[in-house]
Amino acid sequence: MTKARFLYNLFDLDGTLTDPGPGITNSVMYALQKSGYPVPERSELYKFIGPPLVFSFKTYSGMSDEEAERALWYYRERFEAGGLFENEIYPGIPELLEKIKRGGGRIILCTGKPEEFAVRILEYFGILKYFDFAAGNTLDEKRPEKRQVMEHIMARFPDLGPENTVMVGDRRYDVLAAKELGFTAAGVLFGYGTREELEEANADMLAESVGELEKLLTE
């Protein structure tokens, strides 16, 4: 019988459960255009997937604080209008979530995306039923950092701690926040982070595929 290796399984959304590339990059293009900034090739915009968007607009496009905040709202205007469904679930993810649940694990979403959007995406792909809790940022940007989302989860589940929790994500932000709180950090290489990025962040384990991830999370 399948058994979950960890009681609490925290999952990032973008680049971990789903491939959001088209929706996010289309929305970034829209925000840049509305803000009067140059729109680079789509391949240059994949780096926007993962970090907080205000940070990305400032860092990658050179916007001021005020411009980045405005660009965030332009982004959300396009994203809510359809970008959130320009997205694909990675093959094997529903089966993985079902095995973890069947094996006694609890599954929690831990995303930098606003909870309202994240829940709609989980519903759209039919996997919300596997989640015990969905945590993310707020529309007014109260939890833009991944560690803040994790602390929000910890307040909800007092027995969640280093000895029983894994954080699964594709970017260094997922790994670094997990390591700060003492959680096991599992990096996935089928998302938008590189092996080098995840190794530099000291991920405890890496998975090339959903199948490999299943072997790390179940026994």
Protein backbone atom coordinates (compact mmCIF):
# COMPACT_ATOMS: atom_id res chain seq x y z
CA MET A 1 0.00 0.00 0.00
CA THR A 2 1.26 3.47 -0.90
CA LYS A 3 2.32 5.62 2.04
CA ALA A 4 3.10 9.33 2.05
CA ARG A 5 6.64 10.06 3.27
CA PHE A 6 5.60 13.43 4.73
CA LEU A 7 2.49 14.33 6.69
CA TYR A 8 2.40 17.82 5.15
CA ASN A 9 3.07 18.24 1.45
CA LEU A 10 3.26 21.88 0.38
CA PHE A 11 3.08 22.49 -3.36
CA ASP A 12 3.93 25.54 -5.40
CA LEU A 13 1.51 26.07 -8.30
CA ASP A 14 3.20 27.67 -11.32
CA GLY A 15 5.84 25.41 -12.83
CA THR A 16 5.15 22.66 -10.29
CA LEU A 17 1.53 21.56 -10.67
CA THR A 18 0.80 23.39 -13.91
CA ASP A 19 2.64 25.00 -16.81
CA PRO A 20 1.34 28.60 -16.79
CA GLY A 21 3.73 29.92 -19.44
CA PRO A 22 1.28 31.27 -22.05
CA GLY A 23 -1.08 32.94 -19.55
CA ILE A 24 1.61 34.61 -17.48
CA THR A 25 3.68 35.83 -20.40
CA ASN A 26 0.61 37.11 -22.29
CA SER A 27 -0.41 39.03 -19.17
CA VAL A 28 3.08 40.46 -18.67
CA MET A 29 3.11 41.56 -22.32
CA TYR A 30 -0.21 43.31 -21.80
CA ALA A 31 1.04 45.03 -18.63
CA LEU A 32 4.24 46.22 -20.31
CA GLN A 33 2.34 47.54 -23.32
CA LYS A 34 -0.20 49.38 -21.12
CA SER A 35 2.67 50.81 -19.09
CA GLY A 36 4.46 52.12 -22.18
CA TYR A 37 7.43 49.80 -21.80
CA PRO A 38 9.09 47.72 -24.55
CA VAL A 39 7.71 44.21 -24.93
CA PRO A 40 10.54 41.67 -25.37
CA GLU A 41 10.33 38.23 -26.94
CA ARG A 42 8.21 35.73 -25.01
CA SER A 43 11.29 33.67 -24.11
CA GLU A 44 12.62 36.67 -22.17
CA LEU A 45 9.49 36.78 -20.03
CA TYR A 46 9.67 33.29 -18.54
CA LYS A 47 11.81 34.74 -15.74
CA PHE A 48 8.65 36.49 -14.51
CA ILE A 49 7.30 33.05 -13.50
CA GLY A 50 8.09 32.49 -9.85
CA PRO A 51 9.23 35.75 -8.23
CA PRO A 52 6.76 38.35 -6.89
CA LEU A 53 5.54 40.34 -9.89
CA VAL A 54 6.25 43.79 -8.44
CA PHE A 55 9.85 42.67 -7.92
CA SER A 56 10.01 41.35 -11.49
CA PHE A 57 8.64 44.52 -13.08
CA LYS A 58 11.19 46.57 -11.15
CA THR A 59 14.12 44.20 -11.67
CA TYR A 60 13.59 43.06 -15.25
CA SER A 61 11.86 46.11 -16.75
CA GLY A 62 13.38 48.91 -14.67
CA MET A 63 10.08 50.25 -13.35
CA SER A 64 9.76 52.52 -10.32
CA ASP A 65 7.79 51.33 -7.29
CA GLU A 66 4.70 53.23 -8.45
CA GLU A 67 4.98 51.98 -12.03
CA ALA A 68 5.43 48.39 -10.88
CA GLU A 69 2.34 48.57 -8.69
CA ARG A 70 0.33 49.90 -11.62
CA ALA A 71 1.75 47.23 -13.93
CA LEU A 72 0.67 44.57 -11.43
CA TRP A 73 -2.93 45.71 -11.75
CA TYR A 74 -2.69 45.76 -15.55
CA TYR A 75 -1.29 42.23 -15.37
CA ARG A 76 -4.17 41.06 -13.19
CA GLU A 77 -6.69 42.71 -15.50
CA ARG A 78 -5.47 40.52 -18.39
CA PHE A 79 -4.85 37.46 -16.22
CA GLU A 80 -8.33 37.45 -14.69
CA ALA A 81 -9.91 37.97 -18.11
CA GLY A 82 -8.56 34.63 -19.30
CA GLY A 83 -4.83 34.34 -18.68
CA LEU A 84 -5.25 32.10 -15.67
CA PHE A 85 -6.73 29.38 -17.91
CA GLU A 86 -4.01 29.69 -20.58
CA ASN A 87 -2.39 26.95 -18.61
CA GLU A 88 -1.84 23.17 -18.64
CA ILE A 89 -1.61 20.67 -15.81
CA TYR A 90 1.52 18.52 -15.92
CA PRO A 91 0.73 14.90 -16.83
CA GLY A 92 0.68 12.66 -13.77
CA ILE A 93 -0.03 15.39 -11.22
CA PRO A 94 -3.62 14.30 -10.40
CA GLU A 95 -2.43 10.72 -9.89
CA LEU A 96 0.43 11.89 -7.64
CA LEU A 97 -1.89 13.96 -5.47
CA GLU A 98 -4.31 11.05 -5.17
CA LYS A 99 -1.52 8.70 -4.04
CA ILE A 100 -0.31 11.15 -1.41
CA LYS A 101 -3.84 11.56 -0.05
CA ARG A 102 -4.47 7.83 -0.11
CA GLY A 103 -1.18 7.34 1.70
CA GLY A 104 -2.19 9.55 4.60
CA GLY A 105 -0.54 12.81 3.56
CA ARG A 106 -2.08 16.25 3.74
CA ILE A 107 -1.72 18.48 0.69
CA ILE A 108 -1.49 22.26 0.90
CA LEU A 109 -1.08 24.79 -1.87
CA CYS A 110 1.71 27.29 -1.18
CA THR A 111 1.80 29.81 -4.01
CA GLY A 112 2.80 33.41 -4.54
CA LYS A 113 -0.28 33.84 -6.73
CA PRO A 114 -3.34 35.45 -5.11
CA GLU A 115 -5.44 32.74 -3.46
CA GLU A 116 -8.54 33.78 -5.41
CA PHE A 117 -6.85 33.03 -8.74
CA ALA A 118 -5.08 29.90 -7.48
CA VAL A 119 -8.28 28.26 -6.25
CA ARG A 120 -9.97 28.93 -9.59
CA ILE A 121 -7.06 27.22 -11.38
CA LEU A 122 -7.21 24.18 -9.08
CA GLU A 123 -10.97 23.97 -9.67
CA TYR A 124 -10.50 24.31 -13.43
CA PHE A 125 -8.16 21.32 -13.52
CA GLY A 126 -10.29 19.25 -11.14
CA ILE A 127 -7.64 18.90 -8.45
CA LEU A 128 -8.96 21.22 -5.72
CA LYS A 129 -10.53 18.16 -4.05
CA TYR A 130 -7.07 16.88 -3.10
CA PHE A 131 -6.11 19.98 -1.13
CA ASP A 132 -6.62 20.40 2.60
CA PHE A 133 -5.86 24.11 2.34
CA ALA A 134 -4.90 26.62 -0.35
CA ALA A 135 -2.62 29.47 0.70
CA GLY A 136 -1.21 32.26 -1.40
CA ASN A 137 -0.77 35.98 -1.68
CA THR A 138 -3.67 38.39 -1.25
CA LEU A 139 -4.98 40.80 -3.86
CA ASP A 140 -3.67 43.68 -1.75
CA GLU A 141 -0.19 42.12 -1.63
CA LYS A 142 -0.07 41.23 2.08
CA ARG A 143 1.86 38.00 1.47
CA PRO A 144 4.09 38.57 -1.60
CA GLU A 145 6.98 36.45 -0.29
CA LYS A 146 6.89 32.64 -0.19
CA ARG A 147 8.02 32.57 3.44
CA GLN A 148 5.03 34.74 4.40
CA VAL A 149 2.71 32.24 2.73
CA MET A 150 4.38 29.39 4.62
CA GLU A 151 3.99 31.21 7.93
CA HIS A 152 0.31 31.74 7.11
CA ILE A 153 0.00 27.96 6.64
CA MET A 154 1.86 27.26 9.88
CA ALA A 155 -0.60 29.44 11.79
CA ARG A 156 -3.43 27.28 10.43
CA PHE A 157 -1.71 23.93 11.17
CA PRO A 158 0.13 24.11 14.53
CA ASP A 159 1.61 20.60 14.19
CA LEU A 160 3.26 21.42 10.88
CA GLY A 161 7.03 21.55 11.37
CA PRO A 162 10.49 20.63 10.06
CA GLU A 163 10.17 16.94 10.89
CA ASN A 164 6.99 16.29 8.91
CA THR A 165 6.88 18.83 6.06
CA VAL A 166 8.14 19.02 2.49
CA MET A 167 7.91 22.01 0.16
CA VAL A 168 7.79 21.16 -3.54
CA GLY A 169 8.64 23.89 -6.03
CA ASP A 170 10.52 24.76 -9.21
CA ARG A 171 12.31 27.99 -8.25
CA ARG A 172 14.91 29.00 -5.69
CA TYR A 173 12.32 31.10 -3.86
CA ASP A 174 10.48 27.91 -2.89
CA VAL A 175 13.66 26.21 -1.72
CA LEU A 176 15.12 29.17 0.18
CA ALA A 177 11.89 29.83 2.10
CA ALA A 178 11.57 26.14 2.98
CA LYS A 179 15.17 25.97 4.21
CA GLU A 180 14.70 29.09 6.35
CA LEU A 181 11.86 27.35 8.17
CA GLY A 182 13.60 24.00 8.38
CA PHE A 183 11.35 22.13 5.93
CA THR A 184 12.60 19.54 3.47
CA ALA A 185 12.89 21.21 0.05
CA ALA A 186 12.13 19.22 -3.10
CA GLY A 187 12.97 20.94 -6.38
CA VAL A 188 11.33 19.94 -9.65
CA LEU A 189 13.24 20.27 -12.91
CA PHE A 190 10.23 20.14 -15.23
CA GLY A 191 9.21 23.72 -14.34
CA TYR A 192 10.97 27.05 -14.86
CA GLY A 193 13.96 26.76 -12.54
CA THR A 194 17.30 25.30 -13.57
CA ARG A 195 19.22 22.54 -11.84
CA GLU A 196 21.96 25.07 -11.04
CA GLU A 197 19.47 27.46 -9.44
CA LEU A 198 17.93 24.77 -7.26
CA GLU A 199 21.27 23.24 -6.28
CA GLU A 200 22.65 26.66 -5.31
CA ALA A 201 19.60 27.13 -3.08
CA ASN A 202 20.49 23.78 -1.43
CA ALA A 203 17.43 21.76 -2.38
CA ASP A 204 17.40 18.50 -0.42
CA MET A 205 16.24 16.50 -3.43
CA LEU A 206 15.52 17.03 -7.12
CA ALA A 207 13.04 15.39 -9.48
CA GLU A 208 13.43 15.37 -13.25
CA SER A 209 9.84 14.24 -13.78
CA VAL A 210 6.52 13.81 -12.01
CA GLY A 211 7.31 10.09 -11.83
CA GLU A 212 10.56 10.82 -9.97
CA LEU A 213 8.71 13.21 -7.68
CA GLU A 214 6.25 10.45 -6.81
CA LYS A 215 9.16 8.23 -5.72
CA LEU A 216 10.44 11.00 -3.45
CA LEU A 217 7.10 11.72 -1.82
CA THR A 218 5.63 8.22 -1.46
CA GLU A 219 6.81 4.77 -0.42
